[in-house]
N, C-alpha and C. Protein backbone atom coordinates (compact mmCIF):
# COMPACT_ATOMS: atom_id res chain seq x y z
N UNK A 1 0.84 -1.17 0.00
CA UNK A 1 0.00 0.00 0.00
C UNK A 1 0.89 1.24 0.00
N UNK A 2 0.55 2.19 -0.82
CA UNK A 2 1.31 3.44 -0.89
C UNK A 2 0.82 4.40 0.19
N UNK A 3 1.75 5.10 0.80
CA UNK A 3 1.36 6.11 1.79
C UNK A 3 1.38 7.47 1.13
N UNK A 4 0.46 8.32 1.48
CA UNK A 4 0.37 9.66 0.89
C UNK A 4 1.34 10.61 1.58
N UNK A 5 2.00 11.43 0.79
CA UNK A 5 2.88 12.46 1.34
C UNK A 5 2.03 13.62 1.81
N UNK A 6 2.19 14.01 3.04
CA UNK A 6 1.46 15.15 3.56
C UNK A 6 2.36 16.35 3.58
N UNK A 7 1.80 17.48 3.20
CA UNK A 7 2.53 18.73 3.25
C UNK A 7 2.72 19.14 4.71
N UNK A 8 3.78 19.89 4.95
CA UNK A 8 4.07 20.41 6.28
C UNK A 8 3.58 21.86 6.32
N UNK A 9 2.55 22.12 7.11
CA UNK A 9 1.98 23.46 7.23
C UNK A 9 2.48 24.08 8.54
N UNK A 10 3.05 25.29 8.44
CA UNK A 10 3.64 25.95 9.60
C UNK A 10 3.17 27.39 9.71
N UNK A 11 3.22 27.90 10.93
CA UNK A 11 3.00 29.33 11.16
C UNK A 11 4.25 29.88 11.83
N UNK A 12 4.80 30.93 11.23
CA UNK A 12 5.96 31.61 11.82
C UNK A 12 5.49 32.89 12.48
N UNK A 13 5.92 33.11 13.70
CA UNK A 13 5.61 34.35 14.40
C UNK A 13 6.48 35.48 13.85
N UNK A 14 6.10 36.73 14.09
CA UNK A 14 6.92 37.84 13.59
C UNK A 14 8.37 37.70 14.01
N UNK A 15 9.27 37.76 13.06
CA UNK A 15 10.69 37.66 13.33
C UNK A 15 11.21 36.24 13.51
N UNK A 16 10.34 35.26 13.54
CA UNK A 16 10.77 33.87 13.70
C UNK A 16 11.38 33.37 12.40
N UNK A 17 12.46 32.59 12.51
CA UNK A 17 13.19 32.10 11.35
C UNK A 17 13.09 30.58 11.28
N UNK A 18 12.83 30.07 10.10
CA UNK A 18 12.83 28.64 9.83
C UNK A 18 14.09 28.32 9.05
N UNK A 19 14.87 27.37 9.52
CA UNK A 19 16.13 26.98 8.87
C UNK A 19 15.93 25.62 8.20
N UNK A 20 16.17 25.57 6.90
CA UNK A 20 16.07 24.33 6.15
C UNK A 20 17.46 23.92 5.69
N UNK A 21 17.81 22.67 5.85
CA UNK A 21 19.09 22.15 5.39
C UNK A 21 18.85 21.13 4.28
N UNK A 22 19.62 21.24 3.20
CA UNK A 22 19.55 20.29 2.08
C UNK A 22 18.13 20.14 1.56
N UNK A 23 17.47 21.26 1.30
CA UNK A 23 16.06 21.24 0.88
C UNK A 23 15.87 21.44 -0.62
N UNK A 24 16.93 21.32 -1.41
CA UNK A 24 16.81 21.51 -2.86
C UNK A 24 15.70 20.63 -3.41
N UNK A 25 14.84 21.22 -4.23
CA UNK A 25 13.72 20.50 -4.82
C UNK A 25 12.42 20.68 -4.06
N UNK A 26 12.49 21.13 -2.82
CA UNK A 26 11.28 21.38 -2.04
C UNK A 26 10.61 22.67 -2.53
N UNK A 27 9.35 22.83 -2.20
CA UNK A 27 8.60 24.03 -2.56
C UNK A 27 8.10 24.71 -1.29
N UNK A 28 8.28 26.03 -1.23
CA UNK A 28 7.75 26.84 -0.13
C UNK A 28 6.58 27.64 -0.70
N UNK A 29 5.40 27.49 -0.11
CA UNK A 29 4.22 28.24 -0.53
C UNK A 29 3.78 29.14 0.61
N UNK A 30 3.57 30.41 0.31
CA UNK A 30 3.10 31.36 1.31
C UNK A 30 1.57 31.32 1.33
N UNK A 31 1.01 30.96 2.47
CA UNK A 31 -0.44 30.86 2.63
C UNK A 31 -1.03 32.12 3.27
N UNK A 32 -0.20 32.94 3.89
CA UNK A 32 -0.66 34.17 4.52
C UNK A 32 0.51 34.95 5.05
N UNK A 33 0.41 36.26 5.05
CA UNK A 33 1.50 37.10 5.50
C UNK A 33 2.55 37.29 4.42
N UNK A 34 3.76 37.66 4.85
CA UNK A 34 4.87 37.87 3.92
C UNK A 34 6.07 37.09 4.43
N UNK A 35 6.71 36.36 3.53
CA UNK A 35 7.89 35.58 3.87
C UNK A 35 9.11 36.13 3.16
N UNK A 36 10.23 36.18 3.88
CA UNK A 36 11.53 36.49 3.29
C UNK A 36 12.27 35.16 3.20
N UNK A 37 12.81 34.85 2.02
CA UNK A 37 13.51 33.59 1.81
C UNK A 37 14.90 33.90 1.26
N UNK A 38 15.92 33.35 1.91
CA UNK A 38 17.28 33.48 1.39
C UNK A 38 17.89 32.09 1.31
N UNK A 39 18.57 31.82 0.19
CA UNK A 39 19.16 30.52 -0.05
C UNK A 39 20.67 30.64 -0.19
N UNK A 40 21.40 29.79 0.48
CA UNK A 40 22.85 29.79 0.41
C UNK A 40 23.29 29.61 -1.05
N UNK A 41 24.21 30.49 -1.47
CA UNK A 41 24.75 30.41 -2.82
C UNK A 41 24.00 31.21 -3.86
N UNK A 42 22.87 31.81 -3.48
CA UNK A 42 22.12 32.65 -4.42
C UNK A 42 22.42 34.11 -4.13
N UNK A 43 22.53 34.90 -5.19
CA UNK A 43 22.89 36.31 -5.04
C UNK A 43 21.72 37.17 -4.60
N UNK A 44 20.49 36.69 -4.73
CA UNK A 44 19.35 37.53 -4.36
C UNK A 44 18.42 36.78 -3.41
N UNK A 45 17.66 37.54 -2.66
CA UNK A 45 16.66 36.99 -1.76
C UNK A 45 15.29 37.08 -2.42
N UNK A 46 14.33 36.35 -1.88
CA UNK A 46 12.97 36.36 -2.41
C UNK A 46 12.00 36.76 -1.31
N UNK A 47 10.93 37.43 -1.70
CA UNK A 47 9.84 37.78 -0.80
C UNK A 47 8.56 37.19 -1.38
N UNK A 48 7.84 36.44 -0.56
CA UNK A 48 6.61 35.80 -1.01
C UNK A 48 5.42 36.37 -0.26
N UNK A 49 4.36 36.64 -1.00
CA UNK A 49 3.08 37.05 -0.43
C UNK A 49 2.11 35.89 -0.56
N UNK A 50 0.97 36.01 0.10
CA UNK A 50 -0.04 34.94 0.06
C UNK A 50 -0.34 34.53 -1.38
N UNK A 51 -0.32 33.23 -1.63
CA UNK A 51 -0.61 32.69 -2.95
C UNK A 51 0.62 32.46 -3.81
N UNK A 52 1.79 32.92 -3.37
CA UNK A 52 3.01 32.74 -4.15
C UNK A 52 3.82 31.56 -3.63
N UNK A 53 4.58 30.93 -4.54
CA UNK A 53 5.41 29.78 -4.20
C UNK A 53 6.81 29.96 -4.74
N UNK A 54 7.74 29.22 -4.17
CA UNK A 54 9.13 29.27 -4.59
C UNK A 54 9.74 27.89 -4.48
N UNK A 55 10.44 27.47 -5.52
CA UNK A 55 11.17 26.21 -5.48
C UNK A 55 12.55 26.44 -4.90
N UNK A 56 12.96 25.61 -3.96
CA UNK A 56 14.29 25.73 -3.35
C UNK A 56 15.30 25.09 -4.30
N UNK A 57 16.34 25.85 -4.63
CA UNK A 57 17.38 25.35 -5.53
C UNK A 57 18.70 25.09 -4.81
N UNK A 58 18.86 25.65 -3.64
CA UNK A 58 20.12 25.51 -2.89
C UNK A 58 20.23 24.16 -2.21
N UNK A 59 21.41 23.57 -2.30
CA UNK A 59 21.68 22.33 -1.56
C UNK A 59 22.21 22.65 -0.16
N UNK A 60 22.44 23.93 0.11
CA UNK A 60 22.92 24.37 1.41
C UNK A 60 21.77 24.76 2.31
N UNK A 61 21.99 25.80 3.10
CA UNK A 61 21.00 26.29 4.06
C UNK A 61 20.05 27.28 3.39
N UNK A 62 18.76 27.14 3.69
CA UNK A 62 17.73 28.08 3.26
C UNK A 62 17.06 28.62 4.52
N UNK A 63 16.93 29.95 4.63
CA UNK A 63 16.27 30.57 5.77
C UNK A 63 14.96 31.20 5.30
N UNK A 64 13.91 31.02 6.11
CA UNK A 64 12.59 31.60 5.83
C UNK A 64 12.18 32.37 7.07
N UNK A 65 11.79 33.64 6.90
CA UNK A 65 11.40 34.48 8.04
C UNK A 65 10.08 35.16 7.76
N UNK A 66 9.24 35.26 8.81
CA UNK A 66 8.00 36.04 8.73
C UNK A 66 8.37 37.51 8.81
N UNK A 67 7.94 38.30 7.86
CA UNK A 67 8.28 39.72 7.80
C UNK A 67 7.20 40.58 8.44
N UNK A 68 7.60 41.74 8.94
CA UNK A 68 6.66 42.69 9.51
C UNK A 68 6.21 42.31 10.90
N UNK A 69 5.07 42.88 11.30
CA UNK A 69 4.55 42.69 12.66
C UNK A 69 3.51 41.58 12.75
N UNK A 70 3.29 40.85 11.67
CA UNK A 70 2.27 39.80 11.65
C UNK A 70 2.92 38.43 11.43
N UNK A 71 2.21 37.40 11.87
CA UNK A 71 2.71 36.06 11.61
C UNK A 71 2.50 35.72 10.14
N UNK A 72 3.13 34.66 9.69
CA UNK A 72 3.00 34.21 8.31
C UNK A 72 2.78 32.70 8.31
N UNK A 73 1.95 32.24 7.39
CA UNK A 73 1.67 30.82 7.26
C UNK A 73 2.31 30.32 5.96
N UNK A 74 2.88 29.11 6.04
CA UNK A 74 3.50 28.54 4.86
C UNK A 74 3.29 27.05 4.81
N UNK A 75 3.42 26.52 3.61
CA UNK A 75 3.36 25.09 3.39
C UNK A 75 4.67 24.65 2.75
N UNK A 76 5.30 23.61 3.29
CA UNK A 76 6.51 23.02 2.72
C UNK A 76 6.13 21.72 2.04
N UNK A 77 6.57 21.57 0.82
CA UNK A 77 6.34 20.33 0.09
C UNK A 77 7.69 19.72 -0.27
N UNK A 78 7.95 18.51 0.21
CA UNK A 78 9.20 17.82 -0.11
C UNK A 78 9.16 17.39 -1.56
N UNK A 79 10.34 17.29 -2.16
CA UNK A 79 10.40 16.87 -3.56
C UNK A 79 10.31 15.35 -3.63
N UNK A 80 9.91 14.87 -4.79
CA UNK A 80 9.82 13.45 -5.03
C UNK A 80 10.72 13.11 -6.21
N UNK A 81 11.59 12.15 -6.04
CA UNK A 81 12.52 11.78 -7.11
C UNK A 81 11.78 11.02 -8.20
N UNK A 82 12.38 10.92 -9.40
CA UNK A 82 11.73 10.19 -10.48
C UNK A 82 11.42 8.73 -10.14
N UNK A 83 12.16 8.15 -9.22
CA UNK A 83 11.92 6.76 -8.83
C UNK A 83 10.85 6.63 -7.75
N UNK A 84 10.26 7.74 -7.36
CA UNK A 84 9.18 7.70 -6.39
C UNK A 84 9.59 7.87 -4.95
N UNK A 85 10.90 7.96 -4.68
CA UNK A 85 11.35 8.13 -3.30
C UNK A 85 11.17 9.59 -2.88
N UNK A 86 10.78 9.80 -1.68
CA UNK A 86 10.62 11.13 -1.14
C UNK A 86 11.95 11.58 -0.57
N UNK A 87 12.43 12.75 -0.97
CA UNK A 87 13.67 13.29 -0.42
C UNK A 87 13.30 14.18 0.76
N UNK A 88 13.78 13.82 1.92
CA UNK A 88 13.46 14.56 3.13
C UNK A 88 14.50 15.63 3.40
N UNK A 89 14.15 16.61 4.17
CA UNK A 89 15.06 17.67 4.57
C UNK A 89 14.82 17.99 6.02
N UNK A 90 15.75 18.69 6.62
CA UNK A 90 15.63 19.06 8.02
C UNK A 90 15.12 20.48 8.13
N UNK A 91 14.18 20.69 9.02
CA UNK A 91 13.64 22.02 9.27
C UNK A 91 13.72 22.30 10.77
N UNK A 92 14.10 23.54 11.12
CA UNK A 92 14.20 23.92 12.53
C UNK A 92 13.75 25.37 12.66
N UNK A 93 12.80 25.62 13.53
CA UNK A 93 12.35 26.98 13.78
C UNK A 93 13.06 27.53 15.01
N UNK A 94 13.40 28.81 14.93
CA UNK A 94 14.09 29.46 16.05
C UNK A 94 13.67 30.92 16.11
N UNK A 95 13.91 31.55 17.23
CA UNK A 95 13.63 32.98 17.38
C UNK A 95 14.91 33.75 17.26
């Protein structure tokens, strides 16, 4: 029997940072608020508003922060390899 992959839905408080390691291929979707995303090795940062998504390309560290005075909601989707294996990544929230 196949098990369904569930998305990881999170809420970040104002100023709270989510640290992702080795998350290349994952998708970050902003469900509410504003997110600042910076990826190791990329020259520019990204800002996501509700309804926008971003594919993680960095094999290093990716940081996601709730911007402004409001919390932000996001969904993380792990990537799936062509052979059907789910590639997992580590996520850690901190203040």
